[in-house]
Amino acid sequence: MIELRNAQELAKISQACKLSNAALWAVEPYIQPGVTTKELDHVLHKFITQAGGTPSFLNLYGFPGSACISVNDQVIHGIPSPRIKLKEGDIVKVDVGAFYEGFHGDNAYTFPVGQISEEARKLLKVTEESLYKGIEQARPGNRIGDISHAVQAYNEGFGYGVVREFVGHGVGKKVHEDPEIPNFGKAGRGVRLVPGMVIAIEPMINLSGAGVRTLADGWTVVTKSGSLSAHFEHTVAITESGAKILTVR
């Protein structure tokens, strides 16, 4: 069931989203060669809890980290580990949410580690641009398929693979709510967007091929091709005047 939020609820979700985004950028200075993903997770956990929030992902469905931190060919759901050290040229996806005063915020960003290849830089640029192409379609009267198609068409125009198995979602009292927001689909199809909806739009895009698989840990999703993958995400409110990004920097 899709929940429509009133002004008071939207204000509370906005606060959770601001905390989520503040945590995301608080970790940026620590994204350096030699730092472990577990150390990054500790920074995120400390930031959120000291602000009075709770990491949305900690123990969610049994997930053992405060954030999903995924490196290079890891698409999403990377488990923070003291054994995974960042290297010059890596790309690292940080997906973090915060639960604050009864509501969640959710966002993700793919960070470069030092100097990265031009191929990687272009993948990050295009994937982030596709997020905003989707957000442009998140307005009353449009349908979810309009968001999905915009993301898919933009990325496939560059020859990239659009992940099918994982999608965006509603955000509210639970971190994952209805409706699902795929990154692929046909324009004009799906649930109609109306004011009061709050959704997370999150392109997950592979350099080569759309296929993914889950590792033996039961969480970490990697590209089947072994190629790089990028992930960007904003939580967005549908308002009378269009999309309002709640996870603003």
C-alpha atoms as a PDB file:
ATOM      1  CA  MET A   1       0.000   0.000   0.000  1.00  0.00           C
ATOM      2  CA  ILE A   2       1.298   3.434  -0.938  1.00  0.00           C
ATOM      3  CA  GLU A   3       1.277   5.939   1.918  1.00  0.00           C
ATOM      4  CA  LEU A   4       0.661   9.608   1.144  1.00  0.00           C
ATOM      5  CA  ARG A   5       2.348  11.967   3.599  1.00  0.00           C
ATOM      6  CA  ASN A   6       0.852  15.152   5.020  1.00  0.00           C
ATOM      7  CA  ALA A   7       2.852  18.329   5.610  1.00  0.00           C
ATOM      8  CA  GLN A   8       3.812  17.373   9.162  1.00  0.00           C
ATOM      9  CA  GLU A   9       5.026  13.934   8.089  1.00  0.00           C
ATOM     10  CA  LEU A  10       6.941  15.391   5.155  1.00  0.00           C
ATOM     11  CA  ALA A  11       8.703  17.761   7.530  1.00  0.00           C
ATOM     12  CA  LYS A  12       9.820  14.822   9.671  1.00  0.00           C
ATOM     13  CA  ILE A  13      10.952  12.800   6.659  1.00  0.00           C
ATOM     14  CA  SER A  14      12.889  15.845   5.491  1.00  0.00           C
ATOM     15  CA  GLN A  15      14.806  15.919   8.776  1.00  0.00           C
ATOM     16  CA  ALA A  16      15.683  12.221   8.450  1.00  0.00           C
ATOM     17  CA  CYS A  17      16.792  12.841   4.878  1.00  0.00           C
ATOM     18  CA  LYS A  18      18.980  15.780   5.877  1.00  0.00           C
ATOM     19  CA  LEU A  19      20.676  13.596   8.485  1.00  0.00           C
ATOM     20  CA  SER A  20      21.159  10.807   5.940  1.00  0.00           C
ATOM     21  CA  ASN A  21      22.756  13.189   3.488  1.00  0.00           C
ATOM     22  CA  ALA A  22      24.914  14.868   6.124  1.00  0.00           C
ATOM     23  CA  ALA A  23      26.253  11.441   7.092  1.00  0.00           C
ATOM     24  CA  LEU A  24      26.987  10.640   3.438  1.00  0.00           C
ATOM     25  CA  TRP A  25      29.149  13.721   3.040  1.00  0.00           C
ATOM     26  CA  ALA A  26      30.713  13.425   6.497  1.00  0.00           C
ATOM     27  CA  VAL A  27      32.386  10.210   5.331  1.00  0.00           C
ATOM     28  CA  GLU A  28      33.807  11.724   2.124  1.00  0.00           C
ATOM     29  CA  PRO A  29      37.093  12.986   3.671  1.00  0.00           C
ATOM     30  CA  TYR A  30      37.835   9.458   4.890  1.00  0.00           C
ATOM     31  CA  ILE A  31      37.569   7.924   1.436  1.00  0.00           C
ATOM     32  CA  GLN A  32      41.298   7.552   0.856  1.00  0.00           C
ATOM     33  CA  PRO A  33      43.670   4.752  -0.175  1.00  0.00           C
ATOM     34  CA  GLY A  34      44.425   2.436   2.747  1.00  0.00           C
ATOM     35  CA  VAL A  35      41.150   3.048   4.601  1.00  0.00           C
ATOM     36  CA  THR A  36      38.954  -0.014   5.168  1.00  0.00           C
ATOM     37  CA  THR A  37      35.250  -0.123   4.443  1.00  0.00           C
ATOM     38  CA  LYS A  38      34.725  -1.052   8.110  1.00  0.00           C
ATOM     39  CA  GLU A  39      36.375   2.212   9.128  1.00  0.00           C
ATOM     40  CA  LEU A  40      34.027   4.118   6.827  1.00  0.00           C
ATOM     41  CA  ASP A  41      31.080   2.307   8.394  1.00  0.00           C
ATOM     42  CA  HIS A  42      32.262   3.334  11.864  1.00  0.00           C
ATOM     43  CA  VAL A  43      32.375   6.992  10.790  1.00  0.00           C
ATOM     44  CA  LEU A  44      28.824   6.791   9.448  1.00  0.00           C
ATOM     45  CA  HIS A  45      27.488   5.014  12.537  1.00  0.00           C
ATOM     46  CA  LYS A  46      29.071   7.520  14.893  1.00  0.00           C
ATOM     47  CA  PHE A  47      27.812  10.514  12.903  1.00  0.00           C
ATOM     48  CA  ILE A  48      24.206   9.308  12.784  1.00  0.00           C
ATOM     49  CA  THR A  49      23.981   8.180  16.395  1.00  0.00           C
ATOM     50  CA  GLN A  50      25.617  11.327  17.776  1.00  0.00           C
ATOM     51  CA  ALA A  51      22.963  13.325  15.913  1.00  0.00           C
ATOM     52  CA  GLY A  52      20.218  11.368  17.694  1.00  0.00           C
ATOM     53  CA  GLY A  53      19.390   9.021  14.834  1.00  0.00           C
ATOM     54  CA  THR A  54      19.725   5.315  14.137  1.00  0.00           C
ATOM     55  CA  PRO A  55      21.371   3.846  11.018  1.00  0.00           C
ATOM     56  CA  SER A  56      18.473   2.601   8.879  1.00  0.00           C
ATOM     57  CA  PHE A  57      20.312  -0.435   7.539  1.00  0.00           C
ATOM     58  CA  LEU A  58      21.838  -1.776  10.750  1.00  0.00           C
ATOM     59  CA  ASN A  59      20.223  -5.210  11.310  1.00  0.00           C
ATOM     60  CA  LEU A  60      17.685  -4.503   8.546  1.00  0.00           C
ATOM     61  CA  TYR A  61      16.764  -8.003   7.320  1.00  0.00           C
ATOM     62  CA  GLY A  62      19.851  -9.065   9.283  1.00  0.00           C
ATOM     63  CA  PHE A  63      22.358  -6.786   7.515  1.00  0.00           C
ATOM     64  CA  PRO A  64      25.451  -6.473   9.741  1.00  0.00           C
ATOM     65  CA  GLY A  65      26.593  -2.929   8.872  1.00  0.00           C
ATOM     66  CA  SER A  66      25.361   0.616   9.390  1.00  0.00           C
ATOM     67  CA  ALA A  67      25.724   1.276   5.655  1.00  0.00           C
ATOM     68  CA  CYS A  68      26.179  -0.674   2.449  1.00  0.00           C
ATOM     69  CA  ILE A  69      29.680   0.017   1.138  1.00  0.00           C
ATOM     70  CA  SER A  70      30.439  -1.531  -2.247  1.00  0.00           C
ATOM     71  CA  VAL A  71      33.720  -1.300  -4.158  1.00  0.00           C
ATOM     72  CA  ASN A  72      34.344  -1.470  -7.918  1.00  0.00           C
ATOM     73  CA  ASP A  73      32.371  -4.421  -9.391  1.00  0.00           C
ATOM     74  CA  GLN A  74      30.265  -4.661  -6.238  1.00  0.00           C
ATOM     75  CA  VAL A  75      26.922  -3.163  -7.230  1.00  0.00           C
ATOM     76  CA  ILE A  76      25.155  -2.840  -3.860  1.00  0.00           C
ATOM     77  CA  HIS A  77      24.879  -4.367  -0.375  1.00  0.00           C
ATOM     78  CA  GLY A  78      28.617  -4.579   0.238  1.00  0.00           C
ATOM     79  CA  ILE A  79      29.242  -5.599   3.864  1.00  0.00           C
ATOM     80  CA  PRO A  80      31.705  -3.243   5.613  1.00  0.00           C
ATOM     81  CA  SER A  81      34.869  -5.217   6.305  1.00  0.00           C
ATOM     82  CA  PRO A  82      38.262  -4.662   7.968  1.00  0.00           C
ATOM     83  CA  ARG A  83      39.716  -6.793   5.162  1.00  0.00           C
ATOM     84  CA  ILE A  84      38.644  -4.523   2.310  1.00  0.00           C
ATOM     85  CA  LYS A  85      41.084  -1.626   1.932  1.00  0.00           C
ATOM     86  CA  LEU A  86      40.484   1.105  -0.599  1.00  0.00           C
ATOM     87  CA  LYS A  87      43.092   1.582  -3.318  1.00  0.00           C
ATOM     88  CA  GLU A  88      43.961   4.464  -5.591  1.00  0.00           C
ATOM     89  CA  GLY A  89      41.667   4.276  -8.621  1.00  0.00           C
ATOM     90  CA  ASP A  90      38.819   2.429  -6.891  1.00  0.00           C
ATOM     91  CA  ILE A  91      35.240   3.614  -6.913  1.00  0.00           C
ATOM     92  CA  VAL A  92      33.216   3.092  -3.731  1.00  0.00           C
ATOM     93  CA  LYS A  93      29.456   3.198  -3.381  1.00  0.00           C
ATOM     94  CA  VAL A  94      28.146   4.395  -0.021  1.00  0.00           C
ATOM     95  CA  ASP A  95      24.431   3.735   0.535  1.00  0.00           C
ATOM     96  CA  VAL A  96      23.279   5.056   3.899  1.00  0.00           C
ATOM     97  CA  GLY A  97      20.000   5.873   5.595  1.00  0.00           C
ATOM     98  CA  ALA A  98      19.026   7.396   8.925  1.00  0.00           C
ATOM     99  CA  PHE A  99      15.969   6.788  11.092  1.00  0.00           C
ATOM    100  CA  TYR A 100      15.046   9.954  12.962  1.00  0.00           C
ATOM    101  CA  GLU A 101      11.896  10.763  14.938  1.00  0.00           C
ATOM    102  CA  GLY A 102       9.876   7.987  13.362  1.00  0.00           C
ATOM    103  CA  PHE A 103      10.906   8.303   9.711  1.00  0.00           C
ATOM    104  CA  HIS A 104      13.717   7.250   7.395  1.00  0.00           C
ATOM    105  CA  GLY A 105      15.882   9.001   4.848  1.00  0.00           C
ATOM    106  CA  ASP A 106      17.888   7.141   2.211  1.00  0.00           C
ATOM    107  CA  ASN A 107      20.630   8.160  -0.229  1.00  0.00           C
ATOM    108  CA  ALA A 108      23.684   6.864  -2.029  1.00  0.00           C
ATOM    109  CA  TYR A 109      26.703   8.240  -3.845  1.00  0.00           C
ATOM    110  CA  THR A 110      29.611   6.706  -5.741  1.00  0.00           C
ATOM    111  CA  PHE A 111      32.905   8.266  -4.695  1.00  0.00           C
ATOM    112  CA  PRO A 112      36.215   8.123  -6.556  1.00  0.00           C
ATOM    113  CA  VAL A 113      39.248   7.024  -4.543  1.00  0.00           C
ATOM    114  CA  GLY A 114      42.011   9.376  -5.629  1.00  0.00           C
ATOM    115  CA  GLN A 115      42.543   9.533  -9.379  1.00  0.00           C
ATOM    116  CA  ILE A 116      40.280   7.178 -11.311  1.00  0.00           C
ATOM    117  CA  SER A 117      40.284   6.137 -14.951  1.00  0.00           C
ATOM    118  CA  GLU A 118      38.460   8.166 -17.557  1.00  0.00           C
ATOM    119  CA  GLU A 119      36.246   5.135 -18.173  1.00  0.00           C
ATOM    120  CA  ALA A 120      35.218   5.084 -14.498  1.00  0.00           C
ATOM    121  CA  ARG A 121      34.777   8.848 -14.379  1.00  0.00           C
ATOM    122  CA  LYS A 122      32.389   8.747 -17.327  1.00  0.00           C
ATOM    123  CA  LEU A 123      30.367   5.923 -15.749  1.00  0.00           C
ATOM    124  CA  LEU A 124      29.934   7.958 -12.555  1.00  0.00           C
ATOM    125  CA  LYS A 125      28.998  11.090 -14.482  1.00  0.00           C
ATOM    126  CA  VAL A 126      26.412   9.388 -16.665  1.00  0.00           C
ATOM    127  CA  THR A 127      24.861   7.399 -13.808  1.00  0.00           C
ATOM    128  CA  GLU A 128      24.454  10.525 -11.679  1.00  0.00           C
ATOM    129  CA  GLU A 129      23.032  12.428 -14.631  1.00  0.00           C
ATOM    130  CA  SER A 130      20.506   9.626 -15.168  1.00  0.00           C
ATOM    131  CA  LEU A 131      19.321  10.026 -11.568  1.00  0.00           C
ATOM    132  CA  TYR A 132      18.362  13.608 -12.334  1.00  0.00           C
ATOM    133  CA  LYS A 133      16.744  12.567 -15.618  1.00  0.00           C
ATOM    134  CA  GLY A 134      14.523  10.308 -13.507  1.00  0.00           C
ATOM    135  CA  ILE A 135      13.842  13.019 -10.944  1.00  0.00           C
ATOM    136  CA  GLU A 136      12.721  15.372 -13.729  1.00  0.00           C
ATOM    137  CA  GLN A 137       9.905  12.898 -14.474  1.00  0.00           C
ATOM    138  CA  ALA A 138       8.800  12.641 -10.809  1.00  0.00           C
ATOM    139  CA  ARG A 139       5.884  15.029 -11.046  1.00  0.00           C
ATOM    140  CA  PRO A 140       2.129  14.764 -10.480  1.00  0.00           C
ATOM    141  CA  GLY A 141       0.260  13.147 -13.342  1.00  0.00           C
ATOM    142  CA  ASN A 142       3.243  11.196 -14.596  1.00  0.00           C
ATOM    143  CA  ARG A 143       3.668   7.494 -13.935  1.00  0.00           C
ATOM    144  CA  ILE A 144       6.481   5.464 -12.417  1.00  0.00           C
ATOM    145  CA  GLY A 145       7.283   4.178 -15.889  1.00  0.00           C
ATOM    146  CA  ASP A 146       8.188   7.713 -16.936  1.00  0.00           C
ATOM    147  CA  ILE A 147      10.925   7.773 -14.282  1.00  0.00           C
ATOM    148  CA  SER A 148      12.054   4.258 -15.170  1.00  0.00           C
ATOM    149  CA  HIS A 149      12.198   4.899 -18.910  1.00  0.00           C
ATOM    150  CA  ALA A 150      14.144   8.145 -18.487  1.00  0.00           C
ATOM    151  CA  VAL A 151      16.836   6.386 -16.443  1.00  0.00           C
ATOM    152  CA  GLN A 152      17.038   3.388 -18.756  1.00  0.00           C
ATOM    153  CA  ALA A 153      17.120   5.331 -22.013  1.00  0.00           C
ATOM    154  CA  TYR A 154      19.825   7.693 -20.836  1.00  0.00           C
ATOM    155  CA  ASN A 155      22.168   4.960 -19.623  1.00  0.00           C
ATOM    156  CA  GLU A 156      21.607   2.591 -22.519  1.00  0.00           C
ATOM    157  CA  GLY A 157      22.359   5.484 -24.840  1.00  0.00           C
ATOM    158  CA  PHE A 158      25.928   5.205 -23.561  1.00  0.00           C
ATOM    159  CA  GLY A 159      25.964   1.421 -23.862  1.00  0.00           C
ATOM    160  CA  TYR A 160      25.741   0.763 -20.121  1.00  0.00           C
ATOM    161  CA  GLY A 161      23.846  -2.079 -18.451  1.00  0.00           C
ATOM    162  CA  VAL A 162      20.837  -1.232 -16.267  1.00  0.00           C
ATOM    163  CA  VAL A 163      20.418  -3.579 -13.292  1.00  0.00           C
ATOM    164  CA  ARG A 164      16.976  -5.195 -13.254  1.00  0.00           C
ATOM    165  CA  GLU A 165      16.996  -7.243 -10.054  1.00  0.00           C
ATOM    166  CA  PHE A 166      17.086  -4.289  -7.649  1.00  0.00           C
ATOM    167  CA  VAL A 167      14.976  -1.148  -7.729  1.00  0.00           C
ATOM    168  CA  GLY A 168      14.092   2.075  -5.952  1.00  0.00           C
ATOM    169  CA  HIS A 169      11.218   2.235  -3.487  1.00  0.00           C
ATOM    170  CA  GLY A 170       8.943   4.283  -1.298  1.00  0.00           C
ATOM    171  CA  VAL A 171      10.407   5.782   1.889  1.00  0.00           C
ATOM    172  CA  GLY A 172       8.651   6.601   5.150  1.00  0.00           C
ATOM    173  CA  LYS A 173       8.138   4.887   8.483  1.00  0.00           C
ATOM    174  CA  LYS A 174       9.928   1.931   6.888  1.00  0.00           C
ATOM    175  CA  VAL A 175      13.045   2.343   4.821  1.00  0.00           C
ATOM    176  CA  HIS A 176      11.538   0.202   2.040  1.00  0.00           C
ATOM    177  CA  GLU A 177       7.886   0.884   1.235  1.00  0.00           C
ATOM    178  CA  ASP A 178       5.634   0.741  -1.805  1.00  0.00           C
ATOM    179  CA  PRO A 179       5.850   1.548  -4.647  1.00  0.00           C
ATOM    180  CA  GLU A 180       8.827  -0.034  -6.372  1.00  0.00           C
ATOM    181  CA  ILE A 181      10.726   2.321  -8.708  1.00  0.00           C
ATOM    182  CA  PRO A 182      12.550   0.295 -11.396  1.00  0.00           C
ATOM    183  CA  ASN A 183      15.356   1.818 -13.445  1.00  0.00           C
ATOM    184  CA  PHE A 184      13.894   0.300 -16.607  1.00  0.00           C
ATOM    185  CA  GLY A 185      10.445   0.319 -18.153  1.00  0.00           C
ATOM    186  CA  LYS A 186       8.025   1.941 -20.547  1.00  0.00           C
ATOM    187  CA  ALA A 187       6.910   5.542 -20.326  1.00  0.00           C
ATOM    188  CA  GLY A 188       3.259   6.021 -19.445  1.00  0.00           C
ATOM    189  CA  ARG A 189       3.023   2.739 -17.504  1.00  0.00           C
ATOM    190  CA  GLY A 190       2.726   1.982 -13.818  1.00  0.00           C
ATOM    191  CA  VAL A 191       1.374   3.777 -10.772  1.00  0.00           C
ATOM    192  CA  ARG A 192       0.400   7.404 -11.272  1.00  0.00           C
ATOM    193  CA  LEU A 193       2.411   9.884  -9.224  1.00  0.00           C
ATOM    194  CA  VAL A 194       0.473  12.128  -6.842  1.00  0.00           C
ATOM    195  CA  PRO A 195       1.469  14.743  -4.247  1.00  0.00           C
ATOM    196  CA  GLY A 196       2.383  13.233  -0.893  1.00  0.00           C
ATOM    197  CA  MET A 197       4.317  10.286  -2.291  1.00  0.00           C
ATOM    198  CA  VAL A 198       7.919   9.936  -1.107  1.00  0.00           C
ATOM    199  CA  ILE A 199      10.192   7.749  -3.203  1.00  0.00           C
ATOM    200  CA  ALA A 200      13.842   6.784  -3.516  1.00  0.00           C
ATOM    201  CA  ILE A 201      15.128   6.873  -7.083  1.00  0.00           C
ATOM    202  CA  GLU A 202      18.409   4.961  -7.379  1.00  0.00           C
ATOM    203  CA  PRO A 203      20.037   4.018 -10.676  1.00  0.00           C
ATOM    204  CA  MET A 204      22.401   1.022 -10.399  1.00  0.00           C
ATOM    205  CA  ILE A 205      24.379   0.965 -13.623  1.00  0.00           C
ATOM    206  CA  ASN A 206      27.064  -1.416 -14.907  1.00  0.00           C
ATOM    207  CA  LEU A 207      29.847  -0.526 -17.299  1.00  0.00           C
ATOM    208  CA  SER A 208      29.287  -3.769 -19.212  1.00  0.00           C
ATOM    209  CA  GLY A 209      26.150  -5.890 -19.209  1.00  0.00           C
ATOM    210  CA  ALA A 210      23.125  -5.750 -16.922  1.00  0.00           C
ATOM    211  CA  GLY A 211      23.696  -9.122 -15.236  1.00  0.00           C
ATOM    212  CA  VAL A 212      24.444  -9.412 -11.526  1.00  0.00           C
ATOM    213  CA  ARG A 213      24.946 -12.192  -8.986  1.00  0.00           C
ATOM    214  CA  THR A 214      25.022 -12.421  -5.196  1.00  0.00           C
ATOM    215  CA  LEU A 215      28.144 -13.643  -3.431  1.00  0.00           C
ATOM    216  CA  ALA A 216      28.245 -16.473  -0.891  1.00  0.00           C
ATOM    217  CA  ASP A 217      27.898 -13.991   1.990  1.00  0.00           C
ATOM    218  CA  GLY A 218      24.250 -13.660   0.959  1.00  0.00           C
ATOM    219  CA  TRP A 219      24.466  -9.887   0.594  1.00  0.00           C
ATOM    220  CA  THR A 220      27.111  -8.532  -1.738  1.00  0.00           C
ATOM    221  CA  VAL A 221      25.839  -8.122  -5.300  1.00  0.00           C
ATOM    222  CA  VAL A 222      28.468  -7.979  -8.066  1.00  0.00           C
ATOM    223  CA  THR A 223      28.395  -7.584 -11.832  1.00  0.00           C
ATOM    224  CA  LYS A 224      28.487 -10.849 -13.773  1.00  0.00           C
ATOM    225  CA  SER A 225      30.875  -9.251 -16.247  1.00  0.00           C
ATOM    226  CA  GLY A 226      33.328  -8.201 -13.544  1.00  0.00           C
ATOM    227  CA  SER A 227      33.008  -4.630 -14.789  1.00  0.00           C
ATOM    228  CA  LEU A 228      32.580  -1.519 -12.649  1.00  0.00           C
ATOM    229  CA  SER A 229      29.180  -0.497 -11.337  1.00  0.00           C
ATOM    230  CA  ALA A 230      27.905   2.888 -10.122  1.00  0.00           C
ATOM    231  CA  HIS A 231      25.013   3.768  -7.796  1.00  0.00           C
ATOM    232  CA  PHE A 232      23.419   7.121  -6.994  1.00  0.00           C
ATOM    233  CA  GLU A 233      20.258   7.743  -4.968  1.00  0.00           C
ATOM    234  CA  HIS A 234      18.050  10.555  -3.697  1.00  0.00           C
ATOM    235  CA  THR A 235      14.863  10.481  -1.649  1.00  0.00           C
ATOM    236  CA  VAL A 236      12.293  12.656  -3.413  1.00  0.00           C
ATOM    237  CA  ALA A 237       8.866  14.014  -2.446  1.00  0.00           C
ATOM    238  CA  ILE A 238       6.181  14.433  -5.087  1.00  0.00           C
ATOM    239  CA  THR A 239       4.689  17.905  -4.630  1.00  0.00           C
ATOM    240  CA  GLU A 240       2.090  19.931  -6.524  1.00  0.00           C
ATOM    241  CA  SER A 241       4.910  21.734  -8.324  1.00  0.00           C
ATOM    242  CA  GLY A 242       7.027  18.669  -9.082  1.00  0.00           C
ATOM    243  CA  ALA A 243       9.832  16.719  -7.452  1.00  0.00           C
ATOM    244  CA  LYS A 244      11.473  18.007  -4.287  1.00  0.00           C
ATOM    245  CA  ILE A 245      14.800  16.379  -3.416  1.00  0.00           C
ATOM    246  CA  LEU A 246      14.817  15.762   0.344  1.00  0.00           C
ATOM    247  CA  THR A 247      18.361  14.371   0.626  1.00  0.00           C
ATOM    248  CA  VAL A 248      19.905  17.732  -0.207  1.00  0.00           C
ATOM    249  CA  ARG A 249      23.528  18.482   0.562  1.00  0.00           C
END
